[in-house]
Protein backbone atom coordinates (compact mmCIF):
# COMPACT_ATOMS: atom_id res chain seq x y z
CA ARG A 1 -10.77 -4.12 24.54
CA PRO A 2 -7.03 -6.14 24.98
CA LEU A 3 -7.08 -8.52 26.52
CA SER A 4 -5.90 -9.35 30.29
CA VAL A 5 -2.92 -11.66 30.76
CA TYR A 6 -1.59 -12.60 34.05
CA LYS A 7 0.61 -14.83 35.27
CA SER A 8 -0.45 -18.29 37.16
CA HIS A 9 2.10 -20.13 38.50
CA GLY A 10 4.69 -19.22 35.51
CA ARG A 11 2.17 -20.10 32.68
CA LYS A 12 -0.24 -17.01 30.80
CA THR A 13 -3.64 -17.69 31.17
CA HIS A 14 -6.69 -15.63 29.14
CA THR A 15 -9.53 -14.81 29.69
CA MET A 16 -12.60 -16.46 28.85
CA ASN A 17 -13.67 -14.81 25.98
CA ALA A 18 -10.32 -14.79 24.49
CA SER A 19 -9.59 -15.65 21.16
CA PRO A 20 -5.97 -15.87 18.62
CA PHE A 21 -5.75 -13.91 16.15
CA LYS A 22 -3.63 -13.11 12.88
CA PHE A 23 -2.32 -9.97 13.08
CA GLU A 24 0.14 -9.29 9.74
CA TYR A 25 2.82 -6.63 10.15
CA ILE A 26 3.99 -5.13 6.93
CA TRP A 27 6.79 -2.71 6.86
CA LEU A 28 9.00 -1.26 4.01
CA ASP A 29 12.68 -2.94 3.53
CA GLY A 30 15.26 -0.96 2.47
CA CYS A 31 15.98 -2.06 -0.76
CA ALA A 32 17.21 0.22 -3.94
CA PRO A 33 16.02 2.32 -5.57
CA GLU A 34 12.95 1.82 -4.48
CA PRO A 35 11.43 -0.19 -1.38
CA ASN A 36 9.71 -3.38 -1.39
CA LEU A 37 6.60 -4.49 0.66
CA ARG A 38 7.45 -7.05 3.55
CA SER A 39 5.42 -9.10 5.68
CA LYS A 40 4.92 -11.55 8.60
CA THR A 41 2.17 -12.93 11.42
CA LYS A 42 1.95 -12.07 14.46
CA ILE A 43 -0.66 -14.57 16.93
CA LEU A 44 -2.10 -12.75 19.46
CA THR A 45 -4.80 -13.48 21.70
CA PHE A 46 -7.62 -10.39 22.53
CA ASP A 47 -10.78 -10.53 24.06
CA LEU A 48 -12.56 -9.44 20.08
CA TYR A 49 -15.33 -12.07 21.33
CA GLU A 50 -14.61 -13.87 17.63
CA SER A 51 -15.21 -10.36 15.72
CA LEU A 52 -13.71 -7.97 13.39
CA SER A 53 -15.88 -5.22 14.37
CA GLU A 54 -13.35 -4.33 16.93
CA LYS A 55 -10.38 -3.92 16.64
CA PRO A 56 -7.02 -2.74 18.69
CA ARG A 57 -5.72 0.26 18.72
CA PRO A 58 -1.45 0.49 16.89
CA ASP A 59 -0.92 1.27 20.75
CA GLN A 60 -2.29 -1.81 21.81
CA LEU A 61 -0.13 -3.53 20.01
CA PRO A 62 3.71 -4.83 20.64
CA ILE A 63 6.56 -3.87 18.81
CA TRP A 64 8.19 -6.84 17.09
CA TYR A 65 11.55 -7.08 15.69
CA PHE A 66 13.14 -8.80 12.70
CA ASP A 67 15.65 -9.79 10.55
CA GLY A 68 17.41 -6.27 9.01
CA SER A 69 20.62 -7.79 7.39
CA SER A 70 17.88 -9.93 5.43
CA THR A 71 16.34 -6.41 4.48
CA ASN A 72 19.09 -4.31 3.10
CA GLN A 73 18.21 -2.38 7.21
CA ALA A 74 20.89 -3.42 9.00
CA GLU A 75 24.34 -5.44 9.64
CA GLY A 76 24.49 -9.27 9.95
CA ASN A 77 26.55 -8.57 12.94
CA TYR A 78 23.63 -6.06 14.38
CA SER A 79 20.56 -6.97 12.68
CA ASP A 80 17.77 -6.25 14.86
CA CYS A 81 15.39 -3.58 13.47
CA ALA A 82 11.81 -2.89 15.21
CA LEU A 83 7.98 -2.59 13.84
CA LYS A 84 6.05 -0.12 15.58
CA PRO A 85 1.86 -0.56 14.83
CA VAL A 86 0.93 2.65 12.96
CA LYS A 87 -2.83 1.80 11.69
CA VAL A 88 -4.57 -1.51 11.63
CA VAL A 89 -7.50 -2.24 9.42
CA ALA A 90 -8.79 -5.75 9.02
CA ASP A 91 -7.84 -8.12 7.10
CA PRO A 92 -10.53 -9.64 4.47
CA GLN A 93 -8.26 -12.25 2.60
CA ARG A 94 -7.88 -14.38 5.64
CA LYS A 95 -10.24 -15.60 8.73
CA LYS A 96 -9.57 -13.76 12.18
CA ALA A 97 -6.68 -11.44 11.23
CA PHE A 98 -6.02 -8.20 11.02
CA LEU A 99 -3.22 -5.84 9.03
CA VAL A 100 -0.70 -3.97 10.40
CA LEU A 101 0.97 -1.51 9.00
CA CYS A 102 4.24 -0.32 10.59
CA GLU A 103 7.32 2.02 10.79
CA VAL A 104 10.81 0.38 11.16
CA MET A 105 12.40 1.63 14.09
CA ASN A 106 16.18 1.37 15.37
CA ALA A 107 16.92 -2.12 17.81
CA ASP A 108 15.96 0.37 20.98
CA GLY A 109 12.24 0.86 19.37
CA VAL A 110 12.10 4.76 20.00
CA THR A 111 14.42 6.40 17.25
CA PRO A 112 13.29 5.96 13.93
CA HIS A 113 15.27 3.83 11.76
CA LYS A 114 16.97 5.67 8.58
CA SER A 115 15.24 4.45 5.86
CA ASN A 116 11.59 5.36 7.78
CA THR A 117 11.02 7.93 5.63
CA ARG A 118 7.10 8.04 6.95
CA ALA A 119 8.35 9.21 10.43
CA LEU A 120 9.27 12.58 8.37
CA VAL A 121 6.17 13.50 7.63
CA PRO A 122 4.55 15.88 9.71
CA ASN A 123 0.33 14.76 11.01
CA THR A 124 -1.71 17.24 8.51
CA SER A 125 -4.58 15.44 9.16
CA THR A 126 -6.71 18.48 11.09
CA LEU A 127 -4.88 21.04 8.53
CA GLY A 128 -7.54 20.11 5.49
CA TYR A 129 -5.48 18.12 3.37
CA TRP A 130 -6.83 15.86 1.26
CA PHE A 131 -4.65 14.12 -1.95
CA GLY A 132 -6.28 11.49 -4.41
CA PHE A 133 -3.72 8.69 -5.32
CA GLU A 134 -4.52 7.55 -9.36
CA GLN A 135 -2.50 3.97 -8.98
CA GLU A 136 -1.79 2.08 -12.43
CA TYR A 137 -0.27 -0.94 -12.49
CA VAL A 138 -0.19 -3.96 -14.69
CA LEU A 139 -0.94 -7.67 -14.23
CA VAL A 140 2.05 -9.64 -16.07
CA ASN A 141 1.98 -13.40 -16.91
CA PRO A 142 4.91 -14.66 -14.95
CA ASP A 143 5.75 -17.19 -17.74
CA THR A 144 5.99 -14.92 -20.59
CA LEU A 145 6.94 -11.20 -18.53
CA ARG A 146 4.31 -10.16 -20.34
CA PRO A 147 1.15 -8.07 -19.53
CA LEU A 148 -2.06 -10.48 -19.56
CA GLY A 149 -3.51 -10.89 -23.51
CA PHE A 150 -0.47 -9.95 -24.82
CA PRO A 151 0.74 -13.22 -26.89
CA LYS A 152 3.89 -14.88 -26.74
CA ASP A 153 5.99 -12.88 -29.42
CA GLY A 154 4.15 -9.70 -31.46
CA TYR A 155 1.57 -7.69 -30.22
CA PRO A 156 -2.12 -7.62 -29.79
CA ALA A 157 -4.57 -4.94 -31.74
CA PRO A 158 -2.92 -1.17 -31.26
CA GLN A 159 -4.38 1.23 -28.39
CA GLY A 160 -8.00 2.19 -28.39
CA MET A 161 -9.71 -0.02 -27.27
CA TYR A 162 -8.51 -1.06 -24.07
CA TYR A 163 -9.55 1.96 -21.86
CA CYS A 164 -12.56 1.47 -19.55
CA GLY A 165 -12.66 -1.66 -22.09
CA VAL A 166 -15.69 -4.41 -21.49
CA GLY A 167 -15.40 -7.78 -23.05
CA HIS A 168 -13.74 -10.25 -24.50
CA LYS A 169 -9.54 -9.06 -26.10
CA ALA A 170 -10.67 -5.32 -24.16
CA VAL A 171 -10.35 -6.69 -20.78
CA GLU A 172 -7.58 -8.96 -19.16
CA GLY A 173 -7.90 -9.35 -15.49
CA ARG A 174 -10.81 -8.29 -14.10
CA HIS A 175 -11.78 -11.43 -11.81
CA ILE A 176 -8.46 -10.10 -10.32
CA VAL A 177 -9.24 -6.53 -10.15
CA GLU A 178 -12.89 -7.22 -8.65
CA SER A 179 -11.28 -9.10 -5.92
CA HIS A 180 -9.08 -7.08 -4.69
CA LEU A 181 -11.81 -4.06 -4.76
CA ASN A 182 -13.61 -5.84 -2.85
CA ALA A 183 -10.86 -6.94 -0.12
CA CYS A 184 -10.22 -2.66 0.17
CA LEU A 185 -13.45 -2.05 0.74
CA ALA A 186 -13.64 -4.80 3.61
CA ALA A 187 -10.82 -3.24 4.98
CA GLY A 188 -11.94 -0.25 5.10
CA LEU A 189 -9.73 1.35 3.69
CA GLU A 190 -10.82 4.48 1.02
CA ILE A 191 -10.31 2.97 -1.85
CA THR A 192 -12.54 5.37 -4.29
CA GLY A 193 -12.66 3.24 -7.62
CA ILE A 194 -11.16 1.44 -11.21
CA ASN A 195 -10.96 1.01 -14.20
CA ALA A 196 -9.43 -0.57 -17.17
CA GLU A 197 -6.51 1.14 -18.39
CA VAL A 198 -4.94 2.21 -22.24
CA MET A 199 -2.80 -0.70 -22.39
CA LEU A 200 -4.52 -4.29 -22.23
CA GLY A 201 -3.50 -5.81 -19.18
CA GLN A 202 -3.14 -2.86 -17.14
CA TRP A 203 -5.56 -1.51 -14.73
CA GLU A 204 -6.05 1.23 -12.44
CA PHE A 205 -7.10 1.88 -8.79
CA GLN A 206 -8.25 5.60 -6.88
CA VAL A 207 -7.65 6.56 -3.35
CA LEU A 208 -8.62 9.31 -1.45
CA GLY A 209 -6.69 9.97 1.93
CA HIS A 210 -7.44 13.06 4.15
CA GLY A 211 -3.89 14.48 5.65
CA ALA A 212 -0.79 13.23 4.12
CA LYS A 213 0.03 10.09 6.10
CA ASP A 214 -3.20 8.17 6.20
CA ALA A 215 -3.22 9.11 2.21
CA ALA A 216 -0.53 7.46 1.89
CA ASP A 217 -0.84 4.12 4.49
CA ASP A 218 -3.98 3.38 2.36
CA LEU A 219 -2.24 3.62 -0.86
CA TRP A 220 0.45 0.97 0.50
CA LEU A 221 -2.03 -1.51 2.04
CA CYS A 222 -4.62 -1.53 -1.21
CA ARG A 223 -0.41 -2.21 -2.88
CA TYR A 224 -0.24 -4.93 -0.32
CA LEU A 225 -3.23 -6.39 -0.96
CA LEU A 226 -2.94 -6.56 -4.68
CA TYR A 227 -0.09 -8.52 -4.77
CA ARG A 228 -1.08 -10.79 -2.02
CA GLU A 229 -4.42 -11.47 -4.47
CA ALA A 230 -1.79 -11.39 -7.50
CA GLU A 231 -0.07 -14.16 -5.62
CA ASN A 232 -3.92 -16.19 -5.54
CA HIS A 233 -4.02 -16.42 -9.88
CA ASN A 234 -0.37 -16.87 -10.35
CA VAL A 235 0.66 -13.16 -11.64
CA ILE A 236 2.87 -10.29 -11.45
CA VAL A 237 2.22 -7.32 -10.14
CA ASP A 238 3.83 -4.30 -12.20
CA PHE A 239 4.39 -0.44 -10.86
CA HIS A 240 7.22 0.11 -13.63
CA PRO A 241 6.60 3.42 -15.24
CA LYS A 242 6.98 2.04 -19.25
CA PRO A 243 6.69 -2.09 -18.74
CA VAL A 244 6.84 -2.25 -22.69
CA LYS A 245 8.80 -0.30 -24.99
CA GLY A 246 7.40 1.37 -27.82
CA ASP A 247 3.93 2.94 -28.73
CA TRP A 248 2.24 1.29 -25.58
CA ASN A 249 1.11 3.62 -22.19
CA GLY A 250 3.21 3.33 -18.83
CA SER A 251 1.90 3.31 -15.50
CA GLY A 252 1.53 6.65 -13.29
CA LEU A 253 1.03 7.43 -10.10
CA HIS A 254 -1.15 10.85 -10.44
CA THR A 255 -1.45 12.37 -7.48
CA ASN A 256 -3.86 15.09 -6.76
CA PHE A 257 -3.90 17.44 -4.11
CA SER A 258 -5.85 20.44 -2.36
CA ASN A 259 -6.26 22.16 0.35
CA HIS A 260 -9.37 24.36 2.17
CA ARG A 261 -8.51 27.43 -0.23
CA MET A 262 -7.79 25.37 -3.38
CA ARG A 263 -11.58 23.81 -2.84
CA GLU A 264 -13.24 26.58 -1.69
CA VAL A 265 -12.01 29.80 -3.09
CA GLY A 266 -9.87 29.21 -6.07
CA GLY A 267 -9.28 31.55 -8.25
CA GLU A 268 -7.03 31.73 -11.58
CA ALA A 269 -4.39 33.98 -10.20
CA TYR A 270 -3.70 31.45 -6.91
CA PHE A 271 -3.33 28.38 -9.03
CA ASN A 272 -0.89 29.72 -10.85
CA SER A 273 1.77 30.84 -7.52
CA ILE A 274 1.64 27.34 -6.79
CA PHE A 275 2.47 25.92 -10.10
CA GLN A 276 5.51 28.70 -10.09
CA ALA A 277 6.16 27.02 -6.69
CA PHE A 278 6.23 23.88 -7.94
CA LYS A 279 8.37 25.32 -11.02
CA ALA A 280 10.90 26.13 -8.86
CA LYS A 281 11.42 23.16 -7.79
CA HIS A 282 10.76 20.81 -10.55
CA GLN A 283 13.94 18.68 -10.73
CA GLU A 284 14.13 18.00 -6.84
CA HIS A 285 10.85 17.17 -7.64
CA ILE A 286 11.81 14.53 -10.24
CA ALA A 287 14.26 12.86 -8.30
CA GLU A 288 12.02 11.93 -5.66
CA TYR A 289 9.54 10.62 -7.63
CA GLY A 290 11.23 7.01 -8.50
CA SER A 291 13.73 5.04 -10.86
CA SER A 292 12.92 5.47 -14.54
CA ASN A 293 10.60 8.40 -14.30
């Protein structure tokens, strides 16, 4: 339960069982063409009995302000932006810690910032919509700026042995990928699998979500944990759609979607009608998929 705080002689006083915890507030900045993840740590004292089994609800955490002029979200003469917690999970990469995914709000703390596209998404958690994300990425050597396993000059053996590969020269970076998987599972995120991909140094993780917001929230938190795990190994995580030119596999975020009718009834005519509806909006959809696609 949240800590009861009261004032005594002008000083904050806590209950005997209160303990300080780290809360990593995470948000998306206003950079283009794609936003970057940002985060900062807030220490809050909660009556959680030293355990991560109880986690605070987002509405129990305070709104926290940041300098939007440093994240391309405000001008320097009026730089306050607010972080509104929307999802809280355990942070397994730190002791006594939580990850707090936030929406960016204007200085009033109430209205969504123009960069806050999450606020535009309706709540679909009760409509039976499922999203399955397949996030491909490449682990890059910061010294050569080439995928792990690639020589400084030239290329490794052609593609063919790397997809779901096992063993020396077939995969690179498995220790990072395994640590990331363990962190996501410990955080309670809906990660459902991992595999080595077609290009050497390329990997994929899969996330299942129910409802658009919950699905996307888990995806962003999985990405965040991956970035932070890579920091520990001095490796770059690259989500670029075509990280290596030539006959080398690109990286995508493949998104699988279904509703009740698709899963329980199906039928060729129904699916063809969906494809035709998408076809009419193809260029509009492509424009939202990110740069370099």
